[in-house]
C-alpha atoms as a PDB file:
ATOM      1  CA  MET A   1    -128.275-148.134  21.518  1.00  0.00           C
ATOM      2  CA  LYS A   2    -126.966-149.709  18.295  1.00  0.00           C
ATOM      3  CA  PRO A   3    -126.565-153.523  18.134  1.00  0.00           C
ATOM      4  CA  LYS A   4    -122.744-153.336  18.206  1.00  0.00           C
ATOM      5  CA  GLU A   5    -122.841-151.079  21.280  1.00  0.00           C
ATOM      6  CA  GLU A   6    -125.280-153.461  22.978  1.00  0.00           C
ATOM      7  CA  VAL A   7    -122.991-156.433  22.282  1.00  0.00           C
ATOM      8  CA  VAL A   8    -119.964-154.504  23.588  1.00  0.00           C
ATOM      9  CA  LYS A   9    -121.873-153.757  26.806  1.00  0.00           C
ATOM     10  CA  ILE A  10    -122.947-157.412  27.156  1.00  0.00           C
ATOM     11  CA  ILE A  11    -119.368-158.585  26.818  1.00  0.00           C
ATOM     12  CA  LYS A  12    -117.904-155.894  29.081  1.00  0.00           C
ATOM     13  CA  ASP A  13    -120.415-156.940  31.751  1.00  0.00           C
ATOM     14  CA  ARG A  14    -119.161-160.536  31.548  1.00  0.00           C
ATOM     15  CA  LEU A  15    -115.393-160.012  31.519  1.00  0.00           C
ATOM     16  CA  THR A  16    -113.273-158.893  34.439  1.00  0.00           C
ATOM     17  CA  ASP A  17    -111.344-155.624  34.173  1.00  0.00           C
ATOM     18  CA  GLN A  18    -108.146-157.678  33.860  1.00  0.00           C
ATOM     19  CA  GLU A  19    -109.617-159.772  31.027  1.00  0.00           C
ATOM     20  CA  LEU A  20    -110.813-156.639  29.211  1.00  0.00           C
ATOM     21  CA  LYS A  21    -107.399-154.970  29.390  1.00  0.00           C
ATOM     22  CA  LYS A  22    -105.673-157.986  27.824  1.00  0.00           C
ATOM     23  CA  SER A  23    -108.238-159.271  25.329  1.00  0.00           C
ATOM     24  CA  ILE A  24    -109.376-158.729  21.777  1.00  0.00           C
ATOM     25  CA  VAL A  25    -113.078-159.377  21.182  1.00  0.00           C
ATOM     26  CA  TYR A  26    -114.517-160.445  17.843  1.00  0.00           C
ATOM     27  CA  TRP A  27    -118.183-160.470  16.784  1.00  0.00           C
ATOM     28  CA  ASP A  28    -120.040-161.897  13.798  1.00  0.00           C
ATOM     29  CA  HIS A  29    -123.166-159.750  13.483  1.00  0.00           C
ATOM     30  CA  THR A  30    -124.841-162.268  11.149  1.00  0.00           C
ATOM     31  CA  VAL A  31    -127.781-163.861  12.963  1.00  0.00           C
ATOM     32  CA  LYS A  32    -127.461-167.636  13.146  1.00  0.00           C
ATOM     33  CA  GLU A  33    -130.624-169.716  13.433  1.00  0.00           C
ATOM     34  CA  LYS A  34    -131.421-171.870  16.458  1.00  0.00           C
ATOM     35  CA  GLY A  35    -129.688-175.212  15.895  1.00  0.00           C
ATOM     36  CA  TYR A  36    -126.836-173.741  13.832  1.00  0.00           C
ATOM     37  CA  SER A  37    -123.753-175.740  14.767  1.00  0.00           C
ATOM     38  CA  PHE A  38    -120.086-174.861  14.856  1.00  0.00           C
ATOM     39  CA  ILE A  39    -116.935-176.186  16.472  1.00  0.00           C
ATOM     40  CA  ILE A  40    -115.021-174.879  19.479  1.00  0.00           C
ATOM     41  CA  GLY A  41    -111.906-176.978  20.013  1.00  0.00           C
ATOM     42  CA  SER A  42    -113.034-180.592  19.912  1.00  0.00           C
ATOM     43  CA  ARG A  43    -116.695-179.987  20.678  1.00  0.00           C
ATOM     44  CA  THR A  44    -119.660-179.114  18.521  1.00  0.00           C
ATOM     45  CA  VAL A  45    -121.848-176.308  19.824  1.00  0.00           C
ATOM     46  CA  GLU A  46    -125.416-175.558  18.707  1.00  0.00           C
ATOM     47  CA  MET A  47    -127.008-172.148  18.916  1.00  0.00           C
ATOM     48  CA  PRO A  48    -129.707-172.417  21.605  1.00  0.00           C
ATOM     49  CA  PHE A  49    -131.669-169.564  20.010  1.00  0.00           C
ATOM     50  CA  ASN A  50    -131.542-167.267  16.971  1.00  0.00           C
ATOM     51  CA  GLY A  51    -128.589-165.003  17.628  1.00  0.00           C
ATOM     52  CA  THR A  52    -125.007-163.968  17.048  1.00  0.00           C
ATOM     53  CA  ILE A  53    -121.595-165.264  18.088  1.00  0.00           C
ATOM     54  CA  ALA A  54    -118.752-163.326  19.679  1.00  0.00           C
ATOM     55  CA  PHE A  55    -115.541-164.468  21.271  1.00  0.00           C
ATOM     56  CA  ALA A  56    -112.862-162.950  23.466  1.00  0.00           C
ATOM     57  CA  ASP A  57    -109.259-163.932  22.868  1.00  0.00           C
ATOM     58  CA  LEU A  58    -107.963-163.585  26.413  1.00  0.00           C
ATOM     59  CA  LYS A  59    -104.289-163.949  25.415  1.00  0.00           C
ATOM     60  CA  PRO A  60    -104.060-162.535  21.890  1.00  0.00           C
ATOM     61  CA  ASN A  61    -100.259-162.797  21.668  1.00  0.00           C
ATOM     62  CA  ALA A  62    -100.224-166.497  22.539  1.00  0.00           C
ATOM     63  CA  ASN A  63    -100.452-169.386  20.107  1.00  0.00           C
ATOM     64  CA  LEU A  64    -103.541-171.581  19.989  1.00  0.00           C
ATOM     65  CA  GLY A  65    -104.561-173.585  23.021  1.00  0.00           C
ATOM     66  CA  HIS A  66    -105.054-170.694  25.438  1.00  0.00           C
ATOM     67  CA  PRO A  67    -108.144-169.200  27.133  1.00  0.00           C
ATOM     68  CA  PHE A  68    -111.034-167.882  25.077  1.00  0.00           C
ATOM     69  CA  LYS A  69    -114.591-167.050  26.006  1.00  0.00           C
ATOM     70  CA  CYS A  70    -117.324-167.591  23.436  1.00  0.00           C
ATOM     71  CA  PHE A  71    -120.582-165.644  23.740  1.00  0.00           C
ATOM     72  CA  LEU A  72    -123.846-166.820  22.192  1.00  0.00           C
ATOM     73  CA  ILE A  73    -126.110-163.770  22.182  1.00  0.00           C
ATOM     74  CA  ASP A  74    -129.776-164.016  21.270  1.00  0.00           C
ATOM     75  CA  ALA A  75    -131.097-161.733  18.529  1.00  0.00           C
ATOM     76  CA  ALA A  76    -132.941-159.529  21.054  1.00  0.00           C
ATOM     77  CA  ARG A  77    -129.747-159.369  23.174  1.00  0.00           C
ATOM     78  CA  LYS A  78    -131.625-160.545  26.277  1.00  0.00           C
ATOM     79  CA  ASN A  79    -130.122-164.039  26.700  1.00  0.00           C
ATOM     80  CA  VAL A  80    -126.421-164.847  26.648  1.00  0.00           C
ATOM     81  CA  GLN A  81    -124.631-168.155  26.979  1.00  0.00           C
ATOM     82  CA  VAL A  82    -120.900-168.022  27.798  1.00  0.00           C
ATOM     83  CA  ILE A  83    -118.606-170.914  26.927  1.00  0.00           C
ATOM     84  CA  ASP A  84    -115.067-171.148  28.295  1.00  0.00           C
ATOM     85  CA  ALA A  85    -112.737-172.666  25.719  1.00  0.00           C
ATOM     86  CA  LEU A  86    -109.124-173.120  24.696  1.00  0.00           C
ATOM     87  CA  TYR A  87    -109.792-172.405  21.001  1.00  0.00           C
ATOM     88  CA  PRO A  88    -111.902-169.871  19.091  1.00  0.00           C
ATOM     89  CA  PRO A  89    -114.996-170.889  17.116  1.00  0.00           C
ATOM     90  CA  ASP A  90    -114.103-172.741  13.925  1.00  0.00           C
ATOM     91  CA  GLY A  91    -115.500-175.198  11.447  1.00  0.00           C
ATOM     92  CA  ARG A  92    -117.955-173.033   9.502  1.00  0.00           C
ATOM     93  CA  PRO A  93    -117.559-169.708   7.709  1.00  0.00           C
ATOM     94  CA  HIS A  94    -117.904-166.783  10.074  1.00  0.00           C
ATOM     95  CA  ASN A  95    -117.561-163.080   9.492  1.00  0.00           C
ATOM     96  CA  PHE A  96    -115.809-161.979  12.689  1.00  0.00           C
ATOM     97  CA  HIS A  97    -114.699-158.380  13.163  1.00  0.00           C
ATOM     98  CA  VAL A  98    -112.862-156.815  16.091  1.00  0.00           C
ATOM     99  CA  ILE A  99    -115.261-154.833  18.289  1.00  0.00           C
ATOM    100  CA  LEU A 100    -113.086-154.430  21.406  1.00  0.00           C
ATOM    101  CA  SER A 101    -109.335-154.263  21.719  1.00  0.00           C
ATOM    102  CA  HIS A 102    -107.827-154.097  25.207  1.00  0.00           C
ATOM    103  CA  GLY A 103    -111.100-152.663  26.564  1.00  0.00           C
ATOM    104  CA  LYS A 104    -111.588-150.013  23.865  1.00  0.00           C
ATOM    105  CA  MET A 105    -114.404-150.176  21.340  1.00  0.00           C
ATOM    106  CA  LYS A 106    -113.351-150.424  17.676  1.00  0.00           C
END
């Protein structure tokens, strides 16, 4: 399985069917080193391992301040940390691309 397909599977396994149908999921395939920090809302998050960042916009037609899920995925795609948030990752340059839209892979 290709890395993008693996990430799609990881995320699909962690969202409900309802969340998948409504959400748009973004992924930055660039591996971030352990300790890399970025901001989600008002909190700073550090990567707990070398890995990539994805996030699901659970209400893509809403303005900011609505539910998101952020996924920290280790480089081997074996460990995943999920963070519930009200804002997407911000604060540092990211290269996010849509990988899922309303449950369909892009």
